[in-house]
Full PDB file with SEQRES, HELIX, SHEET, SSBOND, CRYST1, ORIGX, SCALE, CONECT and MASTER records, all heavy atoms in Angstrom:
SEQRES   1 A   37  ASP GLU ILE TYR ILE THR HIS ILE TYR GLY PHE LYS SER          
SEQRES   2 A   37  HIS ARG ASP HIS PHE ALA ILE ASP PHE ASP LYS GLU GLN          
SEQRES   3 A   37  ILE VAL LYS ARG ILE THR GLU LEU VAL ASN GLN                  
HELIX    1 AA1 ASP A   16  ALA A   19  1                                   4    
HELIX    2 AA2 LYS A   24  VAL A   35  1                                  12    
CRYST1    1.000    1.000    1.000  90.00  90.00  90.00 P 1           1          
ORIGX1      1.000000  0.000000  0.000000        0.00000                         
ORIGX2      0.000000  1.000000  0.000000        0.00000                         
ORIGX3      0.000000  0.000000  1.000000        0.00000                         
SCALE1      1.000000  0.000000  0.000000        0.00000                         
SCALE2      0.000000  1.000000  0.000000        0.00000                         
SCALE3      0.000000  0.000000  1.000000        0.00000                         
ATOM      1  N   ASP A   1       6.827  30.739   4.938  1.00  0.00           N  
ATOM      2  CA  ASP A   1       6.356  31.816   3.982  1.00  0.00           C  
ATOM      3  C   ASP A   1       7.443  32.778   3.601  1.00  0.00           C  
ATOM      4  O   ASP A   1       7.158  33.715   2.767  1.00  0.00           O  
ATOM      5  CB  ASP A   1       5.088  32.541   4.589  1.00  0.00           C  
ATOM      6  CG  ASP A   1       5.410  33.313   5.875  1.00  0.00           C  
ATOM      7  OD1 ASP A   1       6.190  32.727   6.622  1.00  0.00           O  
ATOM      8  OD2 ASP A   1       4.859  34.391   6.164  1.00  0.00           O  
ATOM      9  N   GLU A   2       8.634  32.647   4.239  1.00  0.00           N  
ATOM     10  CA  GLU A   2       9.728  33.487   3.853  1.00  0.00           C  
ATOM     11  C   GLU A   2      10.557  32.692   2.759  1.00  0.00           C  
ATOM     12  O   GLU A   2      11.299  33.209   2.000  1.00  0.00           O  
ATOM     13  CB  GLU A   2      10.555  33.716   4.984  1.00  0.00           C  
ATOM     14  CG  GLU A   2       9.980  34.579   6.164  1.00  0.00           C  
ATOM     15  CD  GLU A   2      10.717  34.666   7.363  1.00  0.00           C  
ATOM     16  OE1 GLU A   2      11.602  33.890   7.582  1.00  0.00           O  
ATOM     17  OE2 GLU A   2      10.382  35.533   8.232  1.00  0.00           O  
ATOM     18  N   ILE A   3      10.437  31.273   2.813  1.00  0.00           N  
ATOM     19  CA  ILE A   3      11.127  30.474   1.946  1.00  0.00           C  
ATOM     20  C   ILE A   3      10.449  30.548   0.567  1.00  0.00           C  
ATOM     21  O   ILE A   3      11.124  30.547  -0.554  1.00  0.00           O  
ATOM     22  CB  ILE A   3      11.199  29.066   2.444  1.00  0.00           C  
ATOM     23  CG1 ILE A   3      12.073  28.995   3.683  1.00  0.00           C  
ATOM     24  CG2 ILE A   3      11.776  28.131   1.375  1.00  0.00           C  
ATOM     25  CD1 ILE A   3      12.085  27.688   4.422  1.00  0.00           C  
ATOM     26  N   TYR A   4       9.151  30.440   0.515  1.00  0.00           N  
ATOM     27  CA  TYR A   4       8.368  30.469  -0.669  1.00  0.00           C  
ATOM     28  C   TYR A   4       7.944  31.932  -1.035  1.00  0.00           C  
ATOM     29  O   TYR A   4       7.543  32.702  -0.127  1.00  0.00           O  
ATOM     30  CB  TYR A   4       7.096  29.604  -0.582  1.00  0.00           C  
ATOM     31  CG  TYR A   4       7.415  28.112  -0.688  1.00  0.00           C  
ATOM     32  CD1 TYR A   4       7.768  27.406   0.458  1.00  0.00           C  
ATOM     33  CD2 TYR A   4       7.200  27.434  -1.855  1.00  0.00           C  
ATOM     34  CE1 TYR A   4       8.071  26.076   0.465  1.00  0.00           C  
ATOM     35  CE2 TYR A   4       7.546  26.037  -1.894  1.00  0.00           C  
ATOM     36  CZ  TYR A   4       8.023  25.379  -0.807  1.00  0.00           C  
ATOM     37  OH  TYR A   4       8.281  24.038  -0.840  1.00  0.00           O  
ATOM     38  N   ILE A   5       8.026  32.263  -2.340  1.00  0.00           N  
ATOM     39  CA  ILE A   5       7.720  33.592  -2.780  1.00  0.00           C  
ATOM     40  C   ILE A   5       6.146  33.826  -2.626  1.00  0.00           C  
ATOM     41  O   ILE A   5       5.743  34.951  -2.112  1.00  0.00           O  
ATOM     42  CB  ILE A   5       8.152  33.818  -4.262  1.00  0.00           C  
ATOM     43  CG1 ILE A   5       9.674  33.746  -4.371  1.00  0.00           C  
ATOM     44  CG2 ILE A   5       7.616  35.131  -4.716  1.00  0.00           C  
ATOM     45  CD1 ILE A   5      10.210  33.721  -5.796  1.00  0.00           C  
ATOM     46  N   THR A   6       5.380  32.802  -2.907  1.00  0.00           N  
ATOM     47  CA  THR A   6       3.946  33.095  -2.791  1.00  0.00           C  
ATOM     48  C   THR A   6       3.373  31.827  -2.237  1.00  0.00           C  
ATOM     49  O   THR A   6       3.778  30.641  -2.384  1.00  0.00           O  
ATOM     50  CB  THR A   6       3.262  33.392  -4.311  1.00  0.00           C  
ATOM     51  OG1 THR A   6       1.985  33.747  -3.985  1.00  0.00           O  
ATOM     52  CG2 THR A   6       3.412  32.187  -5.219  1.00  0.00           C  
ATOM     53  N   HIS A   7       2.135  32.056  -1.565  1.00  0.00           N  
ATOM     54  CA  HIS A   7       1.399  30.895  -1.125  1.00  0.00           C  
ATOM     55  C   HIS A   7      -0.106  31.308  -1.212  1.00  0.00           C  
ATOM     56  O   HIS A   7      -0.419  32.513  -1.329  1.00  0.00           O  
ATOM     57  CB  HIS A   7       1.768  30.533   0.413  1.00  0.00           C  
ATOM     58  CG  HIS A   7       1.381  31.673   1.393  1.00  0.00           C  
ATOM     59  ND1 HIS A   7       2.340  32.582   1.616  1.00  0.00           N  
ATOM     60  CD2 HIS A   7       0.401  31.743   2.257  1.00  0.00           C  
ATOM     61  CE1 HIS A   7       1.842  33.384   2.548  1.00  0.00           C  
ATOM     62  NE2 HIS A   7       0.664  32.872   2.875  1.00  0.00           N  
ATOM     63  N   ILE A   8      -0.967  30.383  -1.305  1.00  0.00           N  
ATOM     64  CA  ILE A   8      -2.299  30.440  -1.688  1.00  0.00           C  
ATOM     65  C   ILE A   8      -3.225  29.670  -0.778  1.00  0.00           C  
ATOM     66  O   ILE A   8      -2.908  28.540  -0.381  1.00  0.00           O  
ATOM     67  CB  ILE A   8      -2.500  29.931  -3.126  1.00  0.00           C  
ATOM     68  CG1 ILE A   8      -1.412  30.478  -4.085  1.00  0.00           C  
ATOM     69  CG2 ILE A   8      -3.897  30.381  -3.663  1.00  0.00           C  
ATOM     70  CD1 ILE A   8      -1.171  29.546  -5.256  1.00  0.00           C  
ATOM     71  N   TYR A   9      -4.432  30.144  -0.400  1.00  0.00           N  
ATOM     72  CA  TYR A   9      -5.424  29.387   0.292  1.00  0.00           C  
ATOM     73  C   TYR A   9      -5.991  28.367  -0.663  1.00  0.00           C  
ATOM     74  O   TYR A   9      -5.952  28.524  -1.906  1.00  0.00           O  
ATOM     75  CB  TYR A   9      -6.582  30.391   0.758  1.00  0.00           C  
ATOM     76  CG  TYR A   9      -6.220  31.070   2.086  1.00  0.00           C  
ATOM     77  CD1 TYR A   9      -6.097  32.458   2.108  1.00  0.00           C  
ATOM     78  CD2 TYR A   9      -6.164  30.400   3.311  1.00  0.00           C  
ATOM     79  CE1 TYR A   9      -5.804  33.084   3.249  1.00  0.00           C  
ATOM     80  CE2 TYR A   9      -5.887  31.033   4.499  1.00  0.00           C  
ATOM     81  CZ  TYR A   9      -5.759  32.437   4.457  1.00  0.00           C  
ATOM     82  OH  TYR A   9      -5.455  33.109   5.574  1.00  0.00           O  
ATOM     83  N   GLY A  10      -6.637  27.364  -0.151  1.00  0.00           N  
ATOM     84  CA  GLY A  10      -7.324  26.427  -1.050  1.00  0.00           C  
ATOM     85  C   GLY A  10      -8.635  26.991  -1.540  1.00  0.00           C  
ATOM     86  O   GLY A  10      -9.102  27.935  -1.014  1.00  0.00           O  
ATOM     87  N   PHE A  11      -9.228  26.367  -2.450  1.00  0.00           N  
ATOM     88  CA  PHE A  11     -10.399  26.865  -3.096  1.00  0.00           C  
ATOM     89  C   PHE A  11     -11.634  26.566  -2.265  1.00  0.00           C  
ATOM     90  O   PHE A  11     -11.607  25.677  -1.419  1.00  0.00           O  
ATOM     91  CB  PHE A  11     -10.780  26.219  -4.414  1.00  0.00           C  
ATOM     92  CG  PHE A  11     -11.220  24.832  -4.486  1.00  0.00           C  
ATOM     93  CD1 PHE A  11     -12.478  24.495  -4.299  1.00  0.00           C  
ATOM     94  CD2 PHE A  11     -10.213  23.845  -4.652  1.00  0.00           C  
ATOM     95  CE1 PHE A  11     -12.866  23.161  -4.260  1.00  0.00           C  
ATOM     96  CE2 PHE A  11     -10.656  22.500  -4.751  1.00  0.00           C  
ATOM     97  CZ  PHE A  11     -11.971  22.216  -4.508  1.00  0.00           C  
ATOM     98  N   LYS A  12     -12.714  27.419  -2.278  1.00  0.00           N  
ATOM     99  CA  LYS A  12     -13.890  27.275  -1.543  1.00  0.00           C  
ATOM    100  C   LYS A  12     -15.093  27.315  -2.609  1.00  0.00           C  
ATOM    101  O   LYS A  12     -15.150  28.260  -3.288  1.00  0.00           O  
ATOM    102  CB  LYS A  12     -14.139  28.397  -0.569  1.00  0.00           C  
ATOM    103  CG  LYS A  12     -13.280  28.318   0.678  1.00  0.00           C  
ATOM    104  CD  LYS A  12     -13.675  29.411   1.675  1.00  0.00           C  
ATOM    105  CE  LYS A  12     -12.852  29.327   2.953  1.00  0.00           C  
ATOM    106  NZ  LYS A  12     -13.286  30.424   3.904  1.00  0.00           N  
ATOM    107  N   SER A  13     -15.900  26.327  -2.605  1.00  0.00           N  
ATOM    108  CA  SER A  13     -16.981  26.294  -3.572  1.00  0.00           C  
ATOM    109  C   SER A  13     -18.185  26.914  -2.824  1.00  0.00           C  
ATOM    110  O   SER A  13     -19.111  27.497  -3.532  1.00  0.00           O  
ATOM    111  CB  SER A  13     -17.310  24.858  -4.001  1.00  0.00           C  
ATOM    112  OG  SER A  13     -17.964  24.159  -3.005  1.00  0.00           O  
ATOM    113  N   HIS A  14     -18.326  26.708  -1.555  1.00  0.00           N  
ATOM    114  CA  HIS A  14     -19.626  27.028  -0.689  1.00  0.00           C  
ATOM    115  C   HIS A  14     -20.778  26.325  -1.091  1.00  0.00           C  
ATOM    116  O   HIS A  14     -21.913  26.553  -0.719  1.00  0.00           O  
ATOM    117  CB  HIS A  14     -19.819  28.624  -0.874  1.00  0.00           C  
ATOM    118  CG  HIS A  14     -18.919  29.459  -0.180  1.00  0.00           C  
ATOM    119  ND1 HIS A  14     -18.657  30.724  -0.450  1.00  0.00           N  
ATOM    120  CD2 HIS A  14     -18.076  29.193   0.873  1.00  0.00           C  
ATOM    121  CE1 HIS A  14     -17.667  31.302   0.287  1.00  0.00           C  
ATOM    122  NE2 HIS A  14     -17.394  30.358   1.144  1.00  0.00           N  
ATOM    123  N   ARG A  15     -20.592  25.243  -2.039  1.00  0.00           N  
ATOM    124  CA  ARG A  15     -21.643  24.269  -2.347  1.00  0.00           C  
ATOM    125  C   ARG A  15     -20.915  22.965  -2.885  1.00  0.00           C  
ATOM    126  O   ARG A  15     -21.165  22.556  -4.038  1.00  0.00           O  
ATOM    127  CB  ARG A  15     -22.588  24.871  -3.420  1.00  0.00           C  
ATOM    128  CG  ARG A  15     -21.945  25.336  -4.720  1.00  0.00           C  
ATOM    129  CD  ARG A  15     -22.843  26.336  -5.531  1.00  0.00           C  
ATOM    130  NE  ARG A  15     -23.074  27.512  -4.766  1.00  0.00           N  
ATOM    131  CZ  ARG A  15     -22.433  28.568  -4.805  1.00  0.00           C  
ATOM    132  NH1 ARG A  15     -21.337  28.624  -5.561  1.00  0.00           N  
ATOM    133  NH2 ARG A  15     -22.705  29.701  -4.019  1.00  0.00           N  
ATOM    134  N   ASP A  16     -20.157  22.468  -1.984  1.00  0.00           N  
ATOM    135  CA  ASP A  16     -19.457  21.236  -2.242  1.00  0.00           C  
ATOM    136  C   ASP A  16     -20.367  20.087  -2.745  1.00  0.00           C  
ATOM    137  O   ASP A  16     -20.020  19.374  -3.707  1.00  0.00           O  
ATOM    138  CB  ASP A  16     -18.630  20.673  -1.093  1.00  0.00           C  
ATOM    139  CG  ASP A  16     -17.432  21.525  -0.778  1.00  0.00           C  
ATOM    140  OD1 ASP A  16     -17.267  22.528  -1.377  1.00  0.00           O  
ATOM    141  OD2 ASP A  16     -16.599  21.092   0.049  1.00  0.00           O  
ATOM    142  N   HIS A  17     -21.565  20.072  -2.171  1.00  0.00           N  
ATOM    143  CA  HIS A  17     -22.443  18.955  -2.596  1.00  0.00           C  
ATOM    144  C   HIS A  17     -22.959  19.040  -4.029  1.00  0.00           C  
ATOM    145  O   HIS A  17     -23.397  18.064  -4.536  1.00  0.00           O  
ATOM    146  CB  HIS A  17     -23.675  19.042  -1.651  1.00  0.00           C  
ATOM    147  CG  HIS A  17     -24.515  20.277  -1.775  1.00  0.00           C  
ATOM    148  ND1 HIS A  17     -24.125  21.552  -1.220  1.00  0.00           N  
ATOM    149  CD2 HIS A  17     -25.698  20.507  -2.427  1.00  0.00           C  
ATOM    150  CE1 HIS A  17     -25.097  22.400  -1.476  1.00  0.00           C  
ATOM    151  NE2 HIS A  17     -26.064  21.846  -2.263  1.00  0.00           N  
ATOM    152  N   PHE A  18     -22.776  20.236  -4.664  1.00  0.00           N  
ATOM    153  CA  PHE A  18     -23.085  20.393  -6.041  1.00  0.00           C  
ATOM    154  C   PHE A  18     -21.921  20.344  -6.996  1.00  0.00           C  
ATOM    155  O   PHE A  18     -21.946  19.720  -8.019  1.00  0.00           O  
ATOM    156  CB  PHE A  18     -23.855  21.748  -6.253  1.00  0.00           C  
ATOM    157  CG  PHE A  18     -24.389  21.937  -7.645  1.00  0.00           C  
ATOM    158  CD1 PHE A  18     -25.525  21.280  -8.093  1.00  0.00           C  
ATOM    159  CD2 PHE A  18     -23.727  22.750  -8.498  1.00  0.00           C  
ATOM    160  CE1 PHE A  18     -25.936  21.484  -9.408  1.00  0.00           C  
ATOM    161  CE2 PHE A  18     -24.142  22.899  -9.832  1.00  0.00           C  
ATOM    162  CZ  PHE A  18     -25.321  22.264 -10.258  1.00  0.00           C  
ATOM    163  N   ALA A  19     -20.799  21.058  -6.532  1.00  0.00           N  
ATOM    164  CA  ALA A  19     -19.667  21.241  -7.398  1.00  0.00           C  
ATOM    165  C   ALA A  19     -18.593  20.079  -7.181  1.00  0.00           C  
ATOM    166  O   ALA A  19     -17.727  20.104  -8.126  1.00  0.00           O  
ATOM    167  CB  ALA A  19     -18.968  22.572  -7.086  1.00  0.00           C  
ATOM    168  N   ILE A  20     -18.726  19.283  -6.328  1.00  0.00           N  
ATOM    169  CA  ILE A  20     -17.749  18.162  -6.083  1.00  0.00           C  
ATOM    170  C   ILE A  20     -18.402  16.922  -5.897  1.00  0.00           C  
ATOM    171  O   ILE A  20     -19.536  16.819  -5.307  1.00  0.00           O  
ATOM    172  CB  ILE A  20     -16.896  18.572  -4.828  1.00  0.00           C  
ATOM    173  CG1 ILE A  20     -16.154  19.880  -4.999  1.00  0.00           C  
ATOM    174  CG2 ILE A  20     -15.827  17.434  -4.457  1.00  0.00           C  
ATOM    175  CD1 ILE A  20     -15.469  20.462  -3.788  1.00  0.00           C  
ATOM    176  N   ASP A  21     -17.868  15.741  -6.397  1.00  0.00           N  
ATOM    177  CA  ASP A  21     -18.484  14.478  -6.156  1.00  0.00           C  
ATOM    178  C   ASP A  21     -17.408  13.368  -6.290  1.00  0.00           C  
ATOM    179  O   ASP A  21     -16.399  13.539  -6.938  1.00  0.00           O  
ATOM    180  CB  ASP A  21     -19.668  14.206  -7.152  1.00  0.00           C  
ATOM    181  CG  ASP A  21     -20.614  13.198  -6.691  1.00  0.00           C  
ATOM    182  OD1 ASP A  21     -20.309  12.073  -6.813  1.00  0.00           O  
ATOM    183  OD2 ASP A  21     -21.660  13.675  -6.202  1.00  0.00           O  
ATOM    184  N   PHE A  22     -17.734  12.115  -5.642  1.00  0.00           N  
ATOM    185  CA  PHE A  22     -16.919  10.963  -5.849  1.00  0.00           C  
ATOM    186  C   PHE A  22     -16.897  10.547  -7.398  1.00  0.00           C  
ATOM    187  O   PHE A  22     -15.916  10.068  -7.918  1.00  0.00           O  
ATOM    188  CB  PHE A  22     -17.428   9.856  -5.080  1.00  0.00           C  
ATOM    189  CG  PHE A  22     -17.462  10.088  -3.574  1.00  0.00           C  
ATOM    190  CD1 PHE A  22     -18.572  10.221  -2.886  1.00  0.00           C  
ATOM    191  CD2 PHE A  22     -16.360  10.075  -2.802  1.00  0.00           C  
ATOM    192  CE1 PHE A  22     -18.635  10.434  -1.566  1.00  0.00           C  
ATOM    193  CE2 PHE A  22     -16.295  10.205  -1.521  1.00  0.00           C  
ATOM    194  CZ  PHE A  22     -17.406  10.444  -0.819  1.00  0.00           C  
ATOM    195  N   ASP A  23     -18.094  10.753  -7.984  1.00  0.00           N  
ATOM    196  CA  ASP A  23     -18.264  10.185  -9.418  1.00  0.00           C  
ATOM    197  C   ASP A  23     -18.255  11.290 -10.444  1.00  0.00           C  
ATOM    198  O   ASP A  23     -19.087  12.348 -10.256  1.00  0.00           O  
ATOM    199  CB  ASP A  23     -19.589   9.393  -9.484  1.00  0.00           C  
ATOM    200  CG  ASP A  23     -19.589   8.220  -8.443  1.00  0.00           C  
ATOM    201  OD1 ASP A  23     -18.653   7.590  -8.257  1.00  0.00           O  
ATOM    202  OD2 ASP A  23     -20.620   8.071  -7.786  1.00  0.00           O  
ATOM    203  N   LYS A  24     -17.546  11.123 -11.370  1.00  0.00           N  
ATOM    204  CA  LYS A  24     -17.469  12.122 -12.509  1.00  0.00           C  
ATOM    205  C   LYS A  24     -18.892  12.254 -13.186  1.00  0.00           C  
ATOM    206  O   LYS A  24     -19.293  13.297 -13.522  1.00  0.00           O  
ATOM    207  CB  LYS A  24     -16.388  11.619 -13.568  1.00  0.00           C  
ATOM    208  CG  LYS A  24     -16.178  12.629 -14.665  1.00  0.00           C  
ATOM    209  CD  LYS A  24     -15.033  11.962 -15.522  1.00  0.00           C  
ATOM    210  CE  LYS A  24     -14.709  12.867 -16.719  1.00  0.00           C  
ATOM    211  NZ  LYS A  24     -13.646  12.329 -17.570  1.00  0.00           N  
ATOM    212  N   GLU A  25     -19.586  11.109 -13.315  1.00  0.00           N  
ATOM    213  CA  GLU A  25     -20.854  11.210 -14.034  1.00  0.00           C  
ATOM    214  C   GLU A  25     -21.838  12.062 -13.339  1.00  0.00           C  
ATOM    215  O   GLU A  25     -22.835  12.620 -13.920  1.00  0.00           O  
ATOM    216  CB  GLU A  25     -21.369   9.720 -14.106  1.00  0.00           C  
ATOM    217  CG  GLU A  25     -20.518   8.808 -15.066  1.00  0.00           C  
ATOM    218  CD  GLU A  25     -19.201   8.412 -14.376  1.00  0.00           C  
ATOM    219  OE1 GLU A  25     -19.106   8.530 -13.186  1.00  0.00           O  
ATOM    220  OE2 GLU A  25     -18.372   7.902 -15.109  1.00  0.00           O  
ATOM    221  N   GLN A  26     -21.787  12.108 -11.928  1.00  0.00           N  
ATOM    222  CA  GLN A  26     -22.728  12.871 -11.264  1.00  0.00           C  
ATOM    223  C   GLN A  26     -22.496  14.420 -11.453  1.00  0.00           C  
ATOM    224  O   GLN A  26     -23.437  15.163 -11.598  1.00  0.00           O  
ATOM    225  CB  GLN A  26     -22.567  12.605  -9.721  1.00  0.00           C  
ATOM    226  CG  GLN A  26     -23.080  11.262  -9.331  1.00  0.00           C  
ATOM    227  CD  GLN A  26     -24.554  11.045  -9.643  1.00  0.00           C  
ATOM    228  OE1 GLN A  26     -25.384  11.948  -9.439  1.00  0.00           O  
ATOM    229  NE2 GLN A  26     -24.868   9.878 -10.111  1.00  0.00           N  
ATOM    230  N   ILE A  27     -21.239  14.810 -11.636  1.00  0.00           N  
ATOM    231  CA  ILE A  27     -20.903  16.230 -11.966  1.00  0.00           C  
ATOM    232  C   ILE A  27     -21.446  16.547 -13.295  1.00  0.00           C  
ATOM    233  O   ILE A  27     -22.083  17.646 -13.632  1.00  0.00           O  
ATOM    234  CB  ILE A  27     -19.375  16.515 -11.900  1.00  0.00           C  
ATOM    235  CG1 ILE A  27     -18.847  16.268 -10.466  1.00  0.00           C  
ATOM    236  CG2 ILE A  27     -19.031  17.861 -12.365  1.00  0.00           C  
ATOM    237  CD1 ILE A  27     -19.090  17.206  -9.497  1.00  0.00           C  
ATOM    238  N   VAL A  28     -21.123  15.660 -14.241  1.00  0.00           N  
ATOM    239  CA  VAL A  28     -21.661  15.851 -15.674  1.00  0.00           C  
ATOM    240  C   VAL A  28     -23.165  15.938 -15.724  1.00  0.00           C  
ATOM    241  O   VAL A  28     -23.724  16.854 -16.378  1.00  0.00           O  
ATOM    242  CB  VAL A  28     -21.208  14.642 -16.592  1.00  0.00           C  
ATOM    243  CG1 VAL A  28     -21.869  14.828 -17.992  1.00  0.00           C  
ATOM    244  CG2 VAL A  28     -19.731  14.633 -16.698  1.00  0.00           C  
ATOM    245  N   LYS A  29     -23.811  15.094 -14.953  1.00  0.00           N  
ATOM    246  CA  LYS A  29     -25.357  15.127 -14.881  1.00  0.00           C  
ATOM    247  C   LYS A  29     -25.863  16.462 -14.379  1.00  0.00           C  
ATOM    248  O   LYS A  29     -26.800  17.143 -14.946  1.00  0.00           O  
ATOM    249  CB  LYS A  29     -25.801  13.967 -14.059  1.00  0.00           C  
ATOM    250  CG  LYS A  29     -27.345  13.953 -13.793  1.00  0.00           C  
ATOM    251  CD  LYS A  29     -27.648  12.800 -12.768  1.00  0.00           C  
ATOM    252  CE  LYS A  29     -29.198  12.932 -12.525  1.00  0.00           C  
ATOM    253  NZ  LYS A  29     -29.530  11.909 -11.495  1.00  0.00           N  
ATOM    254  N   ARG A  30     -25.265  16.944 -13.294  1.00  0.00           N  
ATOM    255  CA  ARG A  30     -25.799  18.216 -12.646  1.00  0.00           C  
ATOM    256  C   ARG A  30     -25.433  19.397 -13.588  1.00  0.00           C  
ATOM    257  O   ARG A  30     -26.303  20.183 -13.756  1.00  0.00           O  
ATOM    258  CB  ARG A  30     -24.915  18.450 -11.298  1.00  0.00           C  
ATOM    259  CG  ARG A  30     -25.344  17.517 -10.298  1.00  0.00           C  
ATOM    260  CD  ARG A  30     -24.464  17.713  -8.980  1.00  0.00           C  
ATOM    261  NE  ARG A  30     -24.470  16.528  -8.170  1.00  0.00           N  
ATOM    262  CZ  ARG A  30     -23.480  16.205  -7.376  1.00  0.00           C  
ATOM    263  NH1 ARG A  30     -22.364  17.017  -7.240  1.00  0.00           N  
ATOM    264  NH2 ARG A  30     -23.505  15.140  -6.595  1.00  0.00           N  
ATOM    265  N   ILE A  31     -24.281  19.517 -14.143  1.00  0.00           N  
ATOM    266  CA  ILE A  31     -23.940  20.685 -14.975  1.00  0.00           C  
ATOM    267  C   ILE A  31     -24.701  20.603 -16.219  1.00  0.00           C  
ATOM    268  O   ILE A  31     -25.241  21.669 -16.728  1.00  0.00           O  
ATOM    269  CB  ILE A  31     -22.480  20.705 -15.273  1.00  0.00           C  
ATOM    270  CG1 ILE A  31     -21.623  20.758 -13.962  1.00  0.00           C  
ATOM    271  CG2 ILE A  31     -22.079  21.898 -16.211  1.00  0.00           C  
ATOM    272  CD1 ILE A  31     -21.961  21.979 -13.050  1.00  0.00           C  
ATOM    273  N   THR A  32     -24.930  19.425 -16.772  1.00  0.00           N  
ATOM    274  CA  THR A  32     -25.743  19.262 -18.042  1.00  0.00           C  
ATOM    275  C   THR A  32     -27.218  19.763 -17.770  1.00  0.00           C  
ATOM    276  O   THR A  32     -27.831  20.530 -18.530  1.00  0.00           O  
ATOM    277  CB  THR A  32     -25.762  17.798 -18.524  1.00  0.00           C  
ATOM    278  OG1 THR A  32     -24.417  17.503 -18.849  1.00  0.00           O  
ATOM    279  CG2 THR A  32     -26.636  17.762 -19.787  1.00  0.00           C  
ATOM    280  N   GLU A  33     -27.681  19.410 -16.599  1.00  0.00           N  
ATOM    281  CA  GLU A  33     -29.060  19.755 -16.214  1.00  0.00           C  
ATOM    282  C   GLU A  33     -29.110  21.253 -16.025  1.00  0.00           C  
ATOM    283  O   GLU A  33     -30.144  21.954 -16.339  1.00  0.00           O  
ATOM    284  CB  GLU A  33     -29.446  18.928 -14.919  1.00  0.00           C  
ATOM    285  CG  GLU A  33     -30.809  19.108 -14.525  1.00  0.00           C  
ATOM    286  CD  GLU A  33     -31.215  18.280 -13.293  1.00  0.00           C  
ATOM    287  OE1 GLU A  33     -30.441  17.388 -12.993  1.00  0.00           O  
ATOM    288  OE2 GLU A  33     -32.372  18.549 -12.736  1.00  0.00           O  
ATOM    289  N   LEU A  34     -28.041  21.831 -15.462  1.00  0.00           N  
ATOM    290  CA  LEU A  34     -27.971  23.286 -15.237  1.00  0.00           C  
ATOM    291  C   LEU A  34     -28.053  24.086 -16.508  1.00  0.00           C  
ATOM    292  O   LEU A  34     -28.892  24.937 -16.594  1.00  0.00           O  
ATOM    293  CB  LEU A  34     -26.774  23.646 -14.362  1.00  0.00           C  
ATOM    294  CG  LEU A  34     -26.495  25.125 -14.166  1.00  0.00           C  
ATOM    295  CD1 LEU A  34     -27.541  25.793 -13.363  1.00  0.00           C  
ATOM    296  CD2 LEU A  34     -25.050  25.245 -13.461  1.00  0.00           C  
ATOM    297  N   VAL A  35     -27.194  23.708 -17.438  1.00  0.00           N  
ATOM    298  CA  VAL A  35     -27.097  24.518 -18.683  1.00  0.00           C  
ATOM    299  C   VAL A  35     -28.266  24.266 -19.570  1.00  0.00           C  
ATOM    300  O   VAL A  35     -28.577  25.068 -20.492  1.00  0.00           O  
ATOM    301  CB  VAL A  35     -25.845  24.318 -19.460  1.00  0.00           C  
ATOM    302  CG1 VAL A  35     -24.628  24.688 -18.601  1.00  0.00           C  
ATOM    303  CG2 VAL A  35     -25.690  22.818 -19.867  1.00  0.00           C  
ATOM    304  N   ASN A  36     -29.015  23.139 -19.403  1.00  0.00           N  
ATOM    305  CA  ASN A  36     -30.188  22.883 -20.267  1.00  0.00           C  
ATOM    306  C   ASN A  36     -31.498  23.185 -19.643  1.00  0.00           C  
ATOM    307  O   ASN A  36     -32.524  22.792 -20.089  1.00  0.00           O  
ATOM    308  CB  ASN A  36     -30.239  21.230 -20.589  1.00  0.00           C  
ATOM    309  CG  ASN A  36     -29.170  20.882 -21.420  1.00  0.00           C  
ATOM    310  OD1 ASN A  36     -28.503  21.730 -22.256  1.00  0.00           O  
ATOM    311  ND2 ASN A  36     -28.741  19.598 -21.364  1.00  0.00           N  
ATOM    312  N   GLN A  37     -31.427  24.026 -18.569  1.00  0.00           N  
ATOM    313  CA  GLN A  37     -32.659  24.491 -17.953  1.00  0.00           C  
ATOM    314  C   GLN A  37     -33.417  25.465 -18.884  1.00  0.00           C  
ATOM    315  O   GLN A  37     -33.046  26.527 -19.189  1.00  0.00           O  
ATOM    316  CB  GLN A  37     -32.334  25.247 -16.730  1.00  0.00           C  
ATOM    317  CG  GLN A  37     -31.941  24.371 -15.534  1.00  0.00           C  
ATOM    318  CD  GLN A  37     -33.169  23.490 -15.052  1.00  0.00           C  
ATOM    319  OE1 GLN A  37     -34.240  24.062 -14.756  1.00  0.00           O  
ATOM    320  NE2 GLN A  37     -33.007  22.286 -14.959  1.00  0.00           N  
TER     321      GLN A  37                                                      
MASTER        0    0    0    2    0    0    0    6  320    1    0    3          
END                                                                             
């Protein structure tokens, strides 16, 4: 951390089961369903 000027923690979703998936189509399905409520 003295060699690099800045460092960052990784992201946290707190709902990986909703925001992250193996399949792209599943994310599209969830978000589409969310915005079309």
